[in-house]
């Protein structure tokens, strides 16, 4: 007999400006305010969260076909409200111990990208490198001596490299056929206490 509710408000401002004929800047600032209320059999718990989430994107159009992008932003994950209270699944005979002190993950993301559009809508090449620095990473934690639950375990880092190549077969007379090649490299590291 548990009730978990969340009220969330987002206040945001965005601003775009061309810095030159080839350079554009887009900035945004979001304030997230939320309250999570928990009531289980008359025992209540209420927690307030407040996060400032800036975002800055710089685009440079070197030529009409070549674009470079730089993005820096802070994001905050949304919590699964089922993780706040203890529950039992009778069918699986499992227990979720709940964690009323759970914090959302906060992530700073740094993205560097390049895109090349081929002539005559012949396809494109995209390269993207993404680095993420995560605070309050959410994962399984030890509860007692042999039980586990959801909790914050510390910091984490993620590195992703994405390459996408798309080409049309117009050069052999089949312009509606498309060949896509994608490659993704992921490297993740977590500091687990």
Protein backbone atom coordinates (compact mmCIF):
# COMPACT_ATOMS: atom_id res chain seq x y z
CA UNK A 1 0.00 0.00 0.00
CA UNK A 2 2.48 2.59 -1.17
CA UNK A 3 1.91 5.86 -2.98
CA UNK A 4 4.78 7.63 -4.73
CA UNK A 5 4.04 10.87 -6.58
CA UNK A 6 6.22 13.42 -8.31
CA UNK A 7 5.50 17.02 -9.24
CA UNK A 8 8.00 18.43 -11.73
CA UNK A 9 8.39 21.89 -13.22
CA UNK A 10 10.78 22.96 -15.97
CA UNK A 11 11.59 26.60 -16.63
CA UNK A 12 13.73 27.20 -19.69
CA UNK A 13 15.17 29.90 -21.90
CA UNK A 14 16.74 29.35 -25.33
CA UNK A 15 18.74 31.74 -27.43
CA UNK A 16 20.07 31.38 -30.99
CA UNK A 17 22.35 33.80 -32.77
CA UNK A 18 24.34 33.66 -35.98
CA UNK A 19 27.87 34.74 -35.02
CA UNK A 20 28.90 34.97 -38.67
CA UNK A 21 27.74 33.64 -42.03
CA UNK A 22 29.18 30.23 -41.17
CA UNK A 23 29.06 30.11 -37.35
CA UNK A 24 25.87 29.68 -35.29
CA UNK A 25 25.44 29.52 -31.53
CA UNK A 26 22.45 28.08 -29.68
CA UNK A 27 22.30 28.34 -25.90
CA UNK A 28 19.68 27.07 -23.47
CA UNK A 29 19.27 27.13 -19.73
CA UNK A 30 16.73 24.92 -17.98
CA UNK A 31 15.86 24.87 -14.29
CA UNK A 32 14.23 21.63 -13.14
CA UNK A 33 12.30 21.68 -9.87
CA UNK A 34 10.62 18.56 -8.53
CA UNK A 35 9.15 17.12 -5.37
CA UNK A 36 8.77 13.39 -4.73
CA UNK A 37 6.19 12.43 -2.11
CA UNK A 38 6.05 8.96 -0.64
CA UNK A 39 3.38 7.49 1.65
CA UNK A 40 3.47 3.89 2.80
CA UNK A 41 0.91 2.87 5.43
CA UNK A 42 0.92 6.38 6.96
CA UNK A 43 4.72 6.81 6.96
CA UNK A 44 5.54 9.74 4.68
CA UNK A 45 8.69 11.04 3.08
CA UNK A 46 9.01 14.11 0.87
CA UNK A 47 12.13 15.20 -1.03
CA UNK A 48 12.79 18.27 -3.15
CA UNK A 49 15.19 18.35 -6.12
CA UNK A 50 16.53 21.36 -8.00
CA UNK A 51 18.85 21.15 -11.02
CA UNK A 52 20.28 23.74 -13.38
CA UNK A 53 20.81 22.27 -16.85
CA UNK A 54 22.79 24.46 -19.29
CA UNK A 55 23.19 23.57 -22.98
CA UNK A 56 25.52 25.16 -25.54
CA UNK A 57 25.78 24.14 -29.20
CA UNK A 58 28.17 25.69 -31.71
CA UNK A 59 27.79 24.84 -35.42
CA UNK A 60 30.32 25.76 -38.08
CA UNK A 61 29.32 25.36 -41.74
CA UNK A 62 32.73 25.21 -43.40
CA UNK A 63 31.11 24.68 -46.81
CA UNK A 64 27.50 23.97 -47.85
CA UNK A 65 28.44 20.25 -47.59
CA UNK A 66 30.66 20.24 -44.47
CA UNK A 67 29.48 20.99 -40.94
CA UNK A 68 31.29 20.78 -37.59
CA UNK A 69 29.33 20.69 -34.30
CA UNK A 70 30.35 21.16 -30.69
CA UNK A 71 27.81 20.46 -27.94
CA UNK A 72 28.15 20.78 -24.18
CA UNK A 73 25.16 20.05 -21.97
CA UNK A 74 24.12 18.86 -18.54
CA UNK A 75 21.26 16.40 -18.21
CA UNK A 76 19.61 14.83 -15.19
CA UNK A 77 18.00 11.38 -15.39
CA UNK A 78 14.43 10.67 -14.41
CA UNK A 79 14.04 8.35 -11.45
CA UNK A 80 11.95 5.20 -11.54
CA UNK A 81 9.43 5.84 -8.77
CA UNK A 82 9.12 2.08 -8.13
CA UNK A 83 12.68 2.14 -6.79
CA UNK A 84 11.67 4.35 -3.83
CA UNK A 85 9.57 1.91 -1.81
CA UNK A 86 9.98 -1.73 -0.83
CA UNK A 87 7.84 -4.22 -2.71
CA UNK A 88 7.53 -7.95 -3.18
CA UNK A 89 6.73 -9.87 -6.34
CA UNK A 90 4.85 -12.97 -5.18
CA UNK A 91 5.07 -14.71 -8.58
CA UNK A 92 8.89 -14.48 -8.77
CA UNK A 93 9.41 -14.56 -4.99
CA UNK A 94 11.67 -11.49 -5.24
CA UNK A 95 11.93 -8.44 -3.02
CA UNK A 96 12.76 -4.87 -4.11
CA UNK A 97 14.09 -3.24 -0.94
CA UNK A 98 13.50 0.30 -2.22
CA UNK A 99 15.70 3.31 -1.60
CA UNK A 100 14.06 6.50 -0.39
CA UNK A 101 17.46 8.29 -0.60
CA UNK A 102 17.96 7.64 -4.33
CA UNK A 103 19.36 10.60 -6.30
CA UNK A 104 19.01 11.15 -10.07
CA UNK A 105 22.10 10.70 -12.23
CA UNK A 106 23.61 13.99 -13.38
CA UNK A 107 25.58 13.89 -16.65
CA UNK A 108 27.84 16.40 -18.39
CA UNK A 109 28.02 15.50 -22.09
CA UNK A 110 30.65 16.80 -24.51
CA UNK A 111 30.03 16.03 -28.19
CA UNK A 112 32.20 16.79 -31.21
CA UNK A 113 30.69 15.99 -34.58
CA UNK A 114 31.41 16.30 -38.28
CA UNK A 115 29.00 15.79 -41.18
CA UNK A 116 29.76 15.69 -44.90
CA UNK A 117 26.88 15.65 -47.42
CA UNK A 118 27.76 14.18 -50.80
CA UNK A 119 26.86 15.98 -54.03
CA UNK A 120 23.47 15.44 -55.71
CA UNK A 121 21.93 13.92 -52.54
CA UNK A 122 24.31 10.99 -52.94
CA UNK A 123 24.60 10.25 -49.23
CA UNK A 124 26.54 11.46 -46.21
CA UNK A 125 29.37 10.73 -43.80
CA UNK A 126 28.92 11.47 -40.09
CA UNK A 127 31.56 11.21 -37.36
CA UNK A 128 30.73 11.83 -33.71
CA UNK A 129 32.73 11.56 -30.50
CA UNK A 130 30.77 11.74 -27.23
CA UNK A 131 32.27 11.88 -23.73
CA UNK A 132 29.99 11.72 -20.68
CA UNK A 133 30.94 12.40 -17.06
CA UNK A 134 28.25 10.95 -14.76
CA UNK A 135 27.68 11.81 -11.10
CA UNK A 136 25.53 9.72 -8.72
CA UNK A 137 25.53 6.74 -11.10
CA UNK A 138 22.60 4.37 -10.38
CA UNK A 139 23.29 0.64 -10.18
CA UNK A 140 22.80 -2.34 -7.88
CA UNK A 141 24.14 -1.91 -4.34
CA UNK A 142 24.68 -4.40 -1.55
CA UNK A 143 22.06 -4.34 1.21
CA UNK A 144 23.10 -6.22 4.30
CA UNK A 145 25.33 -9.22 3.62
CA UNK A 146 23.62 -10.97 0.71
CA UNK A 147 20.81 -8.80 -0.70
CA UNK A 148 20.92 -6.12 -3.37
CA UNK A 149 18.89 -3.11 -4.38
CA UNK A 150 19.07 0.08 -6.43
CA UNK A 151 21.33 2.91 -5.26
CA UNK A 152 23.87 5.56 -6.18
CA UNK A 153 27.38 4.10 -6.40
CA UNK A 154 29.53 7.07 -7.41
CA UNK A 155 30.89 8.40 -10.68
CA UNK A 156 31.05 6.94 -14.19
CA UNK A 157 32.53 7.90 -17.53
CA UNK A 158 31.36 6.93 -21.01
CA UNK A 159 33.13 7.35 -24.34
CA UNK A 160 31.28 6.73 -27.60
CA UNK A 161 32.55 7.04 -31.16
CA UNK A 162 29.97 6.77 -33.94
CA UNK A 163 30.65 6.59 -37.69
CA UNK A 164 27.79 6.50 -40.20
CA UNK A 165 28.29 6.32 -43.96
CA UNK A 166 25.30 6.37 -46.31
CA UNK A 167 25.51 6.26 -50.09
CA UNK A 168 22.93 5.99 -52.85
CA UNK A 169 23.41 3.73 -55.86
CA UNK A 170 22.54 6.45 -58.39
CA UNK A 171 25.95 5.99 -60.00
CA UNK A 172 24.84 2.55 -61.26
CA UNK A 173 21.31 3.62 -62.19
CA UNK A 174 19.45 2.62 -58.99
CA UNK A 175 19.02 5.93 -57.09
CA UNK A 176 16.47 4.55 -54.61
CA UNK A 177 18.83 1.87 -53.27
CA UNK A 178 20.82 2.98 -50.23
CA UNK A 179 23.82 1.37 -48.56
CA UNK A 180 24.45 2.28 -44.90
CA UNK A 181 27.54 1.43 -42.90
CA UNK A 182 27.56 2.16 -39.14
CA UNK A 183 30.27 1.64 -36.56
CA UNK A 184 29.99 2.34 -32.84
CA UNK A 185 32.70 2.11 -30.21
CA UNK A 186 31.70 2.24 -26.53
CA UNK A 187 34.00 2.39 -23.51
CA UNK A 188 32.44 2.74 -20.06
CA UNK A 189 34.08 3.03 -16.67
CA UNK A 190 32.40 3.07 -13.25
CA UNK A 191 33.88 3.77 -9.83
CA UNK A 192 32.11 1.22 -7.64
CA UNK A 193 32.91 1.64 -3.93
